[in-house]
Every structure is written in C-alpha cells, then in structure tokens.
Amino acid sequence: MSEKIHQSMRLLVRDLDALKRLYGTKTAGMQQAIDGFIPLRQYTLREIQGTFTKSELIALTDFLRRMPIEDPLLRINKEALITLLLDNSELHDLSISHEIVYDDLIYKLNKLTAAQVYFLQSEIARYWKVNKGKRYNIDQFIETMI
C-alpha cells in the first residue's frame, strides 16, 4: 500500500458539491478525482502522440502562450479552442510564422475528444509555467508530444 499524506487544496464550491453528489462525501470524491488524474493524463497524452506535426505543436504552444485558456470548462471545449485560433489568425497568422496549414490543424483538433483537447492544452500551459515563459527546451517538450 502506498504511503498517504495530508495536503490542503482549494477547490471551487461547485466542484466539491459535484464530488459529494457523485461519491457520497467530498473526501471520497476528491480521492477518486486525484487517483484517476495521473493515469488518465498519461493514457490520453499517449493517444494524441503523433497527431500533430512539430510545426503545429509549436504554433499551438505559441498561440496558447498569448491566449491561455485557464477555465477547465473551456479547456475541454474544442470548438472554443478552434474559434479562438481562427479569430486570432487575423492578428497573428500562425500559418506564416510557423508554416502550418490552418485547415489541417483544425481538422486534427476536430478529431480530438474532450479529454484529449483538455490535456493537450494543459500540457502546453504546464510547459509555460515550468519554463516561466522562456523558450528553452521547447524541442524537448515537443518531442514528448510527437
């Protein structure tokens, strides 16, 4: 059995209420959510490996640096991501700066599940947070996604 420790967390009331409704208690719900997160993340990232080209991933990483989507309810919404990408294309044309074809990128994004869209954006956000906005090791990051 793995060692357990106590840790404090801040959660939205709506999330705690949902966990309590689903699992009977807030604590049981939080445990289920935490226990499932890492395996779900790993499995989902493996599913999307090879979906995007290096240029597409760099373009998405660059785009989400300028337009981070923090709300989890928006992060699972691929239509919101696609809309933001297309709206942004008039100001920052990623097809020119990163040599991508928008139609190809949109097609690939449309094929993703909600979990895949969520974890794609979460990994990009994690990259920027870990690197504090610096562009070092982007090739290493991209290699994990290809």
N, C-alpha and C. Protein backbone atom coordinates (compact mmCIF):
# COMPACT_ATOMS: atom_id res chain seq x y z
N MET A 1 0.84 -1.18 0.00
CA MET A 1 0.00 0.00 0.00
C MET A 1 0.89 1.24 0.00
N SER A 2 0.54 2.22 -0.79
CA SER A 2 1.30 3.45 -0.87
C SER A 2 1.08 4.33 0.34
N GLU A 3 2.13 5.06 0.71
CA GLU A 3 2.03 5.98 1.83
C GLU A 3 1.13 7.15 1.46
N LYS A 4 0.30 7.56 2.38
CA LYS A 4 -0.61 8.69 2.15
C LYS A 4 -0.21 9.83 3.06
N ILE A 5 -0.36 11.05 2.56
CA ILE A 5 -0.09 12.24 3.35
C ILE A 5 -1.30 13.15 3.28
N HIS A 6 -1.37 14.09 4.20
CA HIS A 6 -2.44 15.09 4.18
C HIS A 6 -1.94 16.31 3.44
N GLN A 7 -2.80 16.88 2.59
CA GLN A 7 -2.44 18.06 1.82
C GLN A 7 -3.69 18.93 1.70
N SER A 8 -3.51 20.22 1.83
CA SER A 8 -4.64 21.14 1.68
C SER A 8 -4.79 21.52 0.21
N MET A 9 -6.04 21.72 -0.20
CA MET A 9 -6.33 22.13 -1.57
C MET A 9 -7.44 23.15 -1.55
N ARG A 10 -7.40 24.05 -2.50
CA ARG A 10 -8.53 24.97 -2.70
C ARG A 10 -9.31 24.48 -3.90
N LEU A 11 -10.58 24.27 -3.71
CA LEU A 11 -11.45 23.81 -4.80
C LEU A 11 -12.66 24.72 -4.89
N LEU A 12 -13.22 24.79 -6.07
CA LEU A 12 -14.45 25.54 -6.24
C LEU A 12 -15.60 24.83 -5.53
N VAL A 13 -16.50 25.59 -4.96
CA VAL A 13 -17.65 25.01 -4.27
C VAL A 13 -18.43 24.11 -5.21
N ARG A 14 -18.59 24.54 -6.47
CA ARG A 14 -19.36 23.72 -7.42
C ARG A 14 -18.72 22.35 -7.62
N ASP A 15 -17.37 22.31 -7.61
CA ASP A 15 -16.67 21.04 -7.79
C ASP A 15 -16.81 20.15 -6.56
N LEU A 16 -16.70 20.74 -5.38
CA LEU A 16 -16.88 19.96 -4.16
C LEU A 16 -18.29 19.40 -4.07
N ASP A 17 -19.27 20.22 -4.42
CA ASP A 17 -20.66 19.76 -4.40
C ASP A 17 -20.87 18.61 -5.39
N ALA A 18 -20.27 18.72 -6.57
CA ALA A 18 -20.40 17.66 -7.56
C ALA A 18 -19.74 16.37 -7.07
N LEU A 19 -18.56 16.50 -6.46
CA LEU A 19 -17.87 15.32 -5.93
C LEU A 19 -18.68 14.65 -4.83
N LYS A 20 -19.28 15.45 -3.97
CA LYS A 20 -20.10 14.89 -2.90
C LYS A 20 -21.32 14.17 -3.47
N ARG A 21 -21.97 14.76 -4.47
CA ARG A 21 -23.13 14.11 -5.10
C ARG A 21 -22.73 12.78 -5.76
N LEU A 22 -21.58 12.76 -6.41
CA LEU A 22 -21.15 11.57 -7.13
C LEU A 22 -20.68 10.44 -6.21
N TYR A 23 -19.95 10.79 -5.14
CA TYR A 23 -19.27 9.78 -4.33
C TYR A 23 -19.72 9.72 -2.88
N GLY A 24 -20.73 10.49 -2.51
CA GLY A 24 -21.27 10.42 -1.16
C GLY A 24 -20.63 11.38 -0.17
N THR A 25 -19.32 11.57 -0.29
CA THR A 25 -18.63 12.55 0.57
C THR A 25 -17.64 13.33 -0.29
N LYS A 26 -17.31 14.50 0.19
CA LYS A 26 -16.32 15.32 -0.53
C LYS A 26 -14.96 14.62 -0.56
N THR A 27 -14.59 14.04 0.58
CA THR A 27 -13.29 13.38 0.67
C THR A 27 -13.18 12.20 -0.29
N ALA A 28 -14.21 11.37 -0.33
CA ALA A 28 -14.20 10.23 -1.25
C ALA A 28 -14.14 10.71 -2.70
N GLY A 29 -14.86 11.77 -3.01
CA GLY A 29 -14.84 12.33 -4.35
C GLY A 29 -13.49 12.89 -4.73
N MET A 30 -12.87 13.62 -3.80
CA MET A 30 -11.54 14.17 -4.06
C MET A 30 -10.53 13.04 -4.26
N GLN A 31 -10.63 11.99 -3.48
CA GLN A 31 -9.70 10.87 -3.62
C GLN A 31 -9.86 10.21 -4.99
N GLN A 32 -11.10 10.00 -5.42
CA GLN A 32 -11.35 9.42 -6.74
C GLN A 32 -10.77 10.29 -7.85
N ALA A 33 -10.99 11.59 -7.76
CA ALA A 33 -10.51 12.52 -8.78
C ALA A 33 -8.98 12.51 -8.84
N ILE A 34 -8.35 12.55 -7.70
CA ILE A 34 -6.89 12.58 -7.65
C ILE A 34 -6.31 11.25 -8.13
N ASP A 35 -6.87 10.14 -7.67
CA ASP A 35 -6.36 8.83 -8.06
C ASP A 35 -6.45 8.60 -9.56
N GLY A 36 -7.48 9.14 -10.20
CA GLY A 36 -7.67 8.91 -11.62
C GLY A 36 -6.95 9.89 -12.52
N PHE A 37 -6.52 11.02 -12.00
CA PHE A 37 -5.97 12.08 -12.85
C PHE A 37 -4.68 11.68 -13.56
N ILE A 38 -3.69 11.18 -12.84
CA ILE A 38 -2.39 10.86 -13.44
C ILE A 38 -2.51 9.76 -14.49
N PRO A 39 -3.19 8.64 -14.21
CA PRO A 39 -3.31 7.62 -15.26
C PRO A 39 -4.10 8.13 -16.47
N LEU A 40 -5.14 8.92 -16.23
CA LEU A 40 -5.92 9.47 -17.35
C LEU A 40 -5.06 10.40 -18.19
N ARG A 41 -4.27 11.24 -17.54
CA ARG A 41 -3.37 12.16 -18.25
C ARG A 41 -2.38 11.37 -19.11
N GLN A 42 -1.73 10.37 -18.52
CA GLN A 42 -0.73 9.58 -19.25
C GLN A 42 -1.35 8.86 -20.45
N TYR A 43 -2.48 8.23 -20.24
CA TYR A 43 -3.15 7.49 -21.31
C TYR A 43 -3.59 8.42 -22.43
N THR A 44 -4.17 9.54 -22.05
CA THR A 44 -4.68 10.50 -23.04
C THR A 44 -3.55 11.11 -23.86
N LEU A 45 -2.45 11.45 -23.21
CA LEU A 45 -1.31 12.00 -23.95
C LEU A 45 -0.72 10.98 -24.91
N ARG A 46 -0.71 9.70 -24.52
CA ARG A 46 -0.26 8.66 -25.45
C ARG A 46 -1.18 8.57 -26.66
N GLU A 47 -2.48 8.76 -26.44
CA GLU A 47 -3.44 8.70 -27.55
C GLU A 47 -3.17 9.78 -28.59
N ILE A 48 -2.76 10.96 -28.16
CA ILE A 48 -2.59 12.06 -29.13
C ILE A 48 -1.17 12.16 -29.68
N GLN A 49 -0.26 11.36 -29.16
CA GLN A 49 1.09 11.37 -29.73
C GLN A 49 1.02 11.01 -31.21
N GLY A 50 1.74 11.78 -32.01
CA GLY A 50 1.78 11.53 -33.45
C GLY A 50 0.65 12.20 -34.23
N THR A 51 -0.25 12.86 -33.55
CA THR A 51 -1.37 13.51 -34.23
C THR A 51 -0.93 14.79 -34.94
N PHE A 52 -0.07 15.56 -34.29
CA PHE A 52 0.32 16.87 -34.81
C PHE A 52 1.77 16.86 -35.28
N THR A 53 2.06 17.71 -36.26
CA THR A 53 3.43 17.89 -36.68
C THR A 53 4.15 18.78 -35.67
N LYS A 54 5.46 18.79 -35.77
CA LYS A 54 6.25 19.65 -34.88
C LYS A 54 5.85 21.11 -35.06
N SER A 55 5.67 21.55 -36.29
CA SER A 55 5.28 22.94 -36.55
C SER A 55 3.91 23.27 -35.96
N GLU A 56 2.97 22.34 -36.06
CA GLU A 56 1.64 22.56 -35.49
C GLU A 56 1.70 22.67 -33.98
N LEU A 57 2.49 21.81 -33.34
CA LEU A 57 2.62 21.86 -31.88
C LEU A 57 3.30 23.15 -31.42
N ILE A 58 4.32 23.57 -32.15
CA ILE A 58 4.97 24.84 -31.79
C ILE A 58 4.00 26.00 -31.98
N ALA A 59 3.20 25.97 -33.05
CA ALA A 59 2.21 27.02 -33.28
C ALA A 59 1.18 27.04 -32.16
N LEU A 60 0.68 25.89 -31.75
CA LEU A 60 -0.28 25.82 -30.64
C LEU A 60 0.35 26.31 -29.34
N THR A 61 1.59 25.92 -29.10
CA THR A 61 2.29 26.35 -27.90
C THR A 61 2.46 27.86 -27.89
N ASP A 62 2.82 28.41 -29.03
CA ASP A 62 2.97 29.86 -29.15
C ASP A 62 1.62 30.56 -28.98
N PHE A 63 0.59 30.04 -29.61
CA PHE A 63 -0.74 30.63 -29.51
C PHE A 63 -1.25 30.62 -28.06
N LEU A 64 -1.11 29.49 -27.38
CA LEU A 64 -1.64 29.37 -26.02
C LEU A 64 -0.79 30.12 -24.99
N ARG A 65 0.40 30.52 -25.38
CA ARG A 65 1.19 31.40 -24.50
C ARG A 65 0.55 32.78 -24.46
N ARG A 66 0.07 33.22 -25.62
CA ARG A 66 -0.58 34.54 -25.72
C ARG A 66 -2.05 34.49 -25.29
N MET A 67 -2.69 33.36 -25.47
CA MET A 67 -4.13 33.22 -25.22
C MET A 67 -4.39 32.02 -24.32
N PRO A 68 -3.89 32.02 -23.09
CA PRO A 68 -4.09 30.84 -22.24
C PRO A 68 -5.57 30.65 -21.89
N ILE A 69 -5.99 29.41 -21.92
CA ILE A 69 -7.35 29.06 -21.54
C ILE A 69 -7.25 28.37 -20.18
N GLU A 70 -7.62 29.09 -19.13
CA GLU A 70 -7.46 28.57 -17.77
C GLU A 70 -8.68 27.81 -17.26
N ASP A 71 -9.86 28.21 -17.66
CA ASP A 71 -11.08 27.59 -17.14
C ASP A 71 -11.20 26.15 -17.66
N PRO A 72 -11.26 25.16 -16.76
CA PRO A 72 -11.36 23.76 -17.20
C PRO A 72 -12.58 23.50 -18.08
N LEU A 73 -13.66 24.22 -17.87
CA LEU A 73 -14.85 24.02 -18.71
C LEU A 73 -14.61 24.49 -20.14
N LEU A 74 -13.71 25.46 -20.32
CA LEU A 74 -13.34 25.88 -21.67
C LEU A 74 -12.26 24.98 -22.24
N ARG A 75 -11.39 24.47 -21.40
CA ARG A 75 -10.30 23.62 -21.89
C ARG A 75 -10.81 22.32 -22.51
N ILE A 76 -11.97 21.86 -22.12
CA ILE A 76 -12.49 20.62 -22.72
C ILE A 76 -13.29 20.88 -23.99
N ASN A 77 -13.47 22.14 -24.32
CA ASN A 77 -14.32 22.54 -25.43
C ASN A 77 -13.48 22.82 -26.67
N LYS A 78 -13.40 21.83 -27.57
CA LYS A 78 -12.57 22.02 -28.76
C LYS A 78 -13.11 23.11 -29.68
N GLU A 79 -14.43 23.29 -29.68
CA GLU A 79 -15.00 24.36 -30.51
C GLU A 79 -14.51 25.73 -30.04
N ALA A 80 -14.38 25.91 -28.73
CA ALA A 80 -13.87 27.18 -28.20
C ALA A 80 -12.42 27.39 -28.62
N LEU A 81 -11.61 26.34 -28.54
CA LEU A 81 -10.22 26.44 -28.96
C LEU A 81 -10.12 26.77 -30.44
N ILE A 82 -10.88 26.08 -31.25
CA ILE A 82 -10.85 26.32 -32.70
C ILE A 82 -11.30 27.74 -33.02
N THR A 83 -12.36 28.19 -32.37
CA THR A 83 -12.85 29.56 -32.59
C THR A 83 -11.80 30.59 -32.22
N LEU A 84 -11.15 30.39 -31.07
CA LEU A 84 -10.07 31.32 -30.67
C LEU A 84 -8.92 31.30 -31.67
N LEU A 85 -8.55 30.12 -32.14
CA LEU A 85 -7.48 30.03 -33.14
C LEU A 85 -7.83 30.78 -34.41
N LEU A 86 -9.04 30.57 -34.89
CA LEU A 86 -9.45 31.23 -36.13
C LEU A 86 -9.60 32.74 -35.96
N ASP A 87 -10.17 33.16 -34.83
CA ASP A 87 -10.28 34.61 -34.56
C ASP A 87 -8.91 35.24 -34.45
N ASN A 88 -7.99 34.53 -33.83
CA ASN A 88 -6.63 35.04 -33.65
C ASN A 88 -5.85 35.09 -34.96
N SER A 89 -6.25 34.29 -35.93
CA SER A 89 -5.49 34.20 -37.18
C SER A 89 -5.42 35.52 -37.92
N GLU A 90 -6.39 36.40 -37.69
CA GLU A 90 -6.35 37.71 -38.35
C GLU A 90 -5.27 38.59 -37.74
N LEU A 91 -5.00 38.43 -36.44
CA LEU A 91 -3.98 39.24 -35.76
C LEU A 91 -2.59 38.61 -35.84
N HIS A 92 -2.53 37.30 -35.61
CA HIS A 92 -1.26 36.57 -35.60
C HIS A 92 -1.42 35.35 -36.49
N ASP A 93 -1.02 35.46 -37.72
CA ASP A 93 -1.20 34.38 -38.67
C ASP A 93 -0.15 33.29 -38.44
N LEU A 94 -0.55 32.25 -37.73
CA LEU A 94 0.36 31.16 -37.40
C LEU A 94 0.79 30.38 -38.64
N SER A 95 -0.01 30.45 -39.70
CA SER A 95 0.34 29.70 -40.91
C SER A 95 1.60 30.28 -41.55
N ILE A 96 1.82 31.56 -41.37
CA ILE A 96 3.02 32.20 -41.92
C ILE A 96 4.19 32.03 -40.96
N SER A 97 3.99 32.38 -39.69
CA SER A 97 5.10 32.35 -38.74
C SER A 97 5.57 30.93 -38.40
N HIS A 98 4.68 29.94 -38.54
CA HIS A 98 5.06 28.57 -38.17
C HIS A 98 4.91 27.58 -39.33
N GLU A 99 4.61 28.09 -40.50
CA GLU A 99 4.47 27.26 -41.70
C GLU A 99 3.54 26.07 -41.50
N ILE A 100 2.31 26.41 -41.07
CA ILE A 100 1.28 25.38 -40.91
C ILE A 100 0.12 25.70 -41.83
N VAL A 101 -0.75 24.73 -42.02
CA VAL A 101 -1.98 24.92 -42.79
C VAL A 101 -3.13 24.86 -41.78
N TYR A 102 -3.84 25.99 -41.67
CA TYR A 102 -4.92 26.05 -40.67
C TYR A 102 -5.94 24.93 -40.87
N ASP A 103 -6.32 24.66 -42.10
CA ASP A 103 -7.32 23.62 -42.34
C ASP A 103 -6.87 22.26 -41.80
N ASP A 104 -5.58 21.95 -41.95
CA ASP A 104 -5.06 20.68 -41.43
C ASP A 104 -5.11 20.66 -39.90
N LEU A 105 -4.70 21.76 -39.28
CA LEU A 105 -4.71 21.85 -37.83
C LEU A 105 -6.13 21.75 -37.28
N ILE A 106 -7.05 22.47 -37.89
CA ILE A 106 -8.45 22.45 -37.44
C ILE A 106 -9.04 21.04 -37.61
N TYR A 107 -8.73 20.40 -38.71
CA TYR A 107 -9.20 19.03 -38.95
C TYR A 107 -8.72 18.10 -37.82
N LYS A 108 -7.45 18.21 -37.46
CA LYS A 108 -6.90 17.36 -36.41
C LYS A 108 -7.52 17.69 -35.05
N LEU A 109 -7.70 18.96 -34.76
CA LEU A 109 -8.33 19.35 -33.49
C LEU A 109 -9.76 18.84 -33.41
N ASN A 110 -10.47 18.89 -34.52
CA ASN A 110 -11.86 18.41 -34.55
C ASN A 110 -11.98 16.91 -34.27
N LYS A 111 -10.93 16.15 -34.54
CA LYS A 111 -10.96 14.71 -34.30
C LYS A 111 -10.67 14.34 -32.85
N LEU A 112 -10.21 15.30 -32.05
CA LEU A 112 -9.86 15.01 -30.66
C LEU A 112 -11.10 14.89 -29.78
N THR A 113 -10.97 14.10 -28.74
CA THR A 113 -12.02 14.02 -27.73
C THR A 113 -11.87 15.19 -26.76
N ALA A 114 -12.85 15.38 -25.90
CA ALA A 114 -12.77 16.44 -24.90
C ALA A 114 -11.56 16.23 -23.99
N ALA A 115 -11.30 15.00 -23.58
CA ALA A 115 -10.14 14.73 -22.71
C ALA A 115 -8.83 15.04 -23.44
N GLN A 116 -8.75 14.70 -24.71
CA GLN A 116 -7.53 14.97 -25.47
C GLN A 116 -7.29 16.47 -25.63
N VAL A 117 -8.35 17.23 -25.90
CA VAL A 117 -8.23 18.69 -26.02
C VAL A 117 -7.80 19.27 -24.68
N TYR A 118 -8.39 18.79 -23.61
CA TYR A 118 -8.06 19.29 -22.27
C TYR A 118 -6.58 19.06 -21.95
N PHE A 119 -6.12 17.82 -22.13
CA PHE A 119 -4.75 17.52 -21.75
C PHE A 119 -3.73 18.12 -22.71
N LEU A 120 -4.06 18.29 -23.98
CA LEU A 120 -3.19 18.99 -24.91
C LEU A 120 -2.94 20.42 -24.40
N GLN A 121 -4.03 21.12 -24.08
CA GLN A 121 -3.89 22.49 -23.59
C GLN A 121 -3.22 22.54 -22.21
N SER A 122 -3.53 21.57 -21.37
CA SER A 122 -2.93 21.54 -20.04
C SER A 122 -1.42 21.32 -20.10
N GLU A 123 -0.99 20.45 -21.00
CA GLU A 123 0.45 20.21 -21.15
C GLU A 123 1.16 21.45 -21.67
N ILE A 124 0.53 22.15 -22.59
CA ILE A 124 1.13 23.38 -23.10
C ILE A 124 1.19 24.43 -21.99
N ALA A 125 0.13 24.55 -21.22
CA ALA A 125 0.12 25.50 -20.10
C ALA A 125 1.18 25.12 -19.07
N ARG A 126 1.33 23.83 -18.81
CA ARG A 126 2.33 23.35 -17.87
C ARG A 126 3.73 23.68 -18.37
N TYR A 127 3.95 23.52 -19.67
CA TYR A 127 5.25 23.88 -20.25
C TYR A 127 5.58 25.34 -19.96
N TRP A 128 4.62 26.23 -20.19
CA TRP A 128 4.89 27.66 -19.98
C TRP A 128 5.08 27.99 -18.51
N LYS A 129 4.35 27.31 -17.64
CA LYS A 129 4.51 27.58 -16.20
C LYS A 129 5.85 27.06 -15.69
N VAL A 130 6.24 25.87 -16.10
CA VAL A 130 7.50 25.30 -15.67
C VAL A 130 8.68 26.14 -16.18
N ASN A 131 8.57 26.60 -17.41
CA ASN A 131 9.66 27.37 -18.02
C ASN A 131 9.53 28.87 -17.80
N LYS A 132 8.54 29.27 -17.04
CA LYS A 132 8.34 30.69 -16.72
C LYS A 132 8.31 31.57 -17.97
N GLY A 133 7.75 31.03 -19.06
CA GLY A 133 7.59 31.80 -20.28
C GLY A 133 8.82 31.86 -21.16
N LYS A 134 9.91 31.21 -20.77
CA LYS A 134 11.11 31.19 -21.60
C LYS A 134 10.97 30.09 -22.63
N ARG A 135 11.65 30.24 -23.74
CA ARG A 135 11.52 29.27 -24.82
C ARG A 135 12.61 28.20 -24.81
N TYR A 136 13.23 27.95 -23.67
CA TYR A 136 14.23 26.89 -23.67
C TYR A 136 13.55 25.53 -23.55
N ASN A 137 14.20 24.53 -24.11
CA ASN A 137 13.73 23.15 -24.08
C ASN A 137 12.40 22.93 -24.82
N ILE A 138 12.03 23.84 -25.72
CA ILE A 138 10.76 23.61 -26.44
C ILE A 138 10.88 22.37 -27.32
N ASP A 139 12.05 22.11 -27.88
CA ASP A 139 12.22 20.91 -28.70
C ASP A 139 12.01 19.65 -27.87
N GLN A 140 12.54 19.65 -26.66
CA GLN A 140 12.36 18.50 -25.77
C GLN A 140 10.88 18.34 -25.43
N PHE A 141 10.20 19.44 -25.14
CA PHE A 141 8.77 19.38 -24.86
C PHE A 141 8.00 18.83 -26.07
N ILE A 142 8.29 19.37 -27.24
CA ILE A 142 7.58 18.96 -28.46
C ILE A 142 7.83 17.47 -28.74
N GLU A 143 9.05 17.00 -28.50
CA GLU A 143 9.36 15.59 -28.73
C GLU A 143 8.48 14.67 -27.90
N THR A 144 8.08 15.10 -26.71
CA THR A 144 7.21 14.26 -25.89
C THR A 144 5.80 14.17 -26.47
N MET A 145 5.46 15.12 -27.33
CA MET A 145 4.11 15.16 -27.89
C MET A 145 4.02 14.56 -29.30
N ILE A 146 5.17 14.36 -29.94
CA ILE A 146 5.15 13.84 -31.33
C ILE A 146 5.12 12.34 -31.31
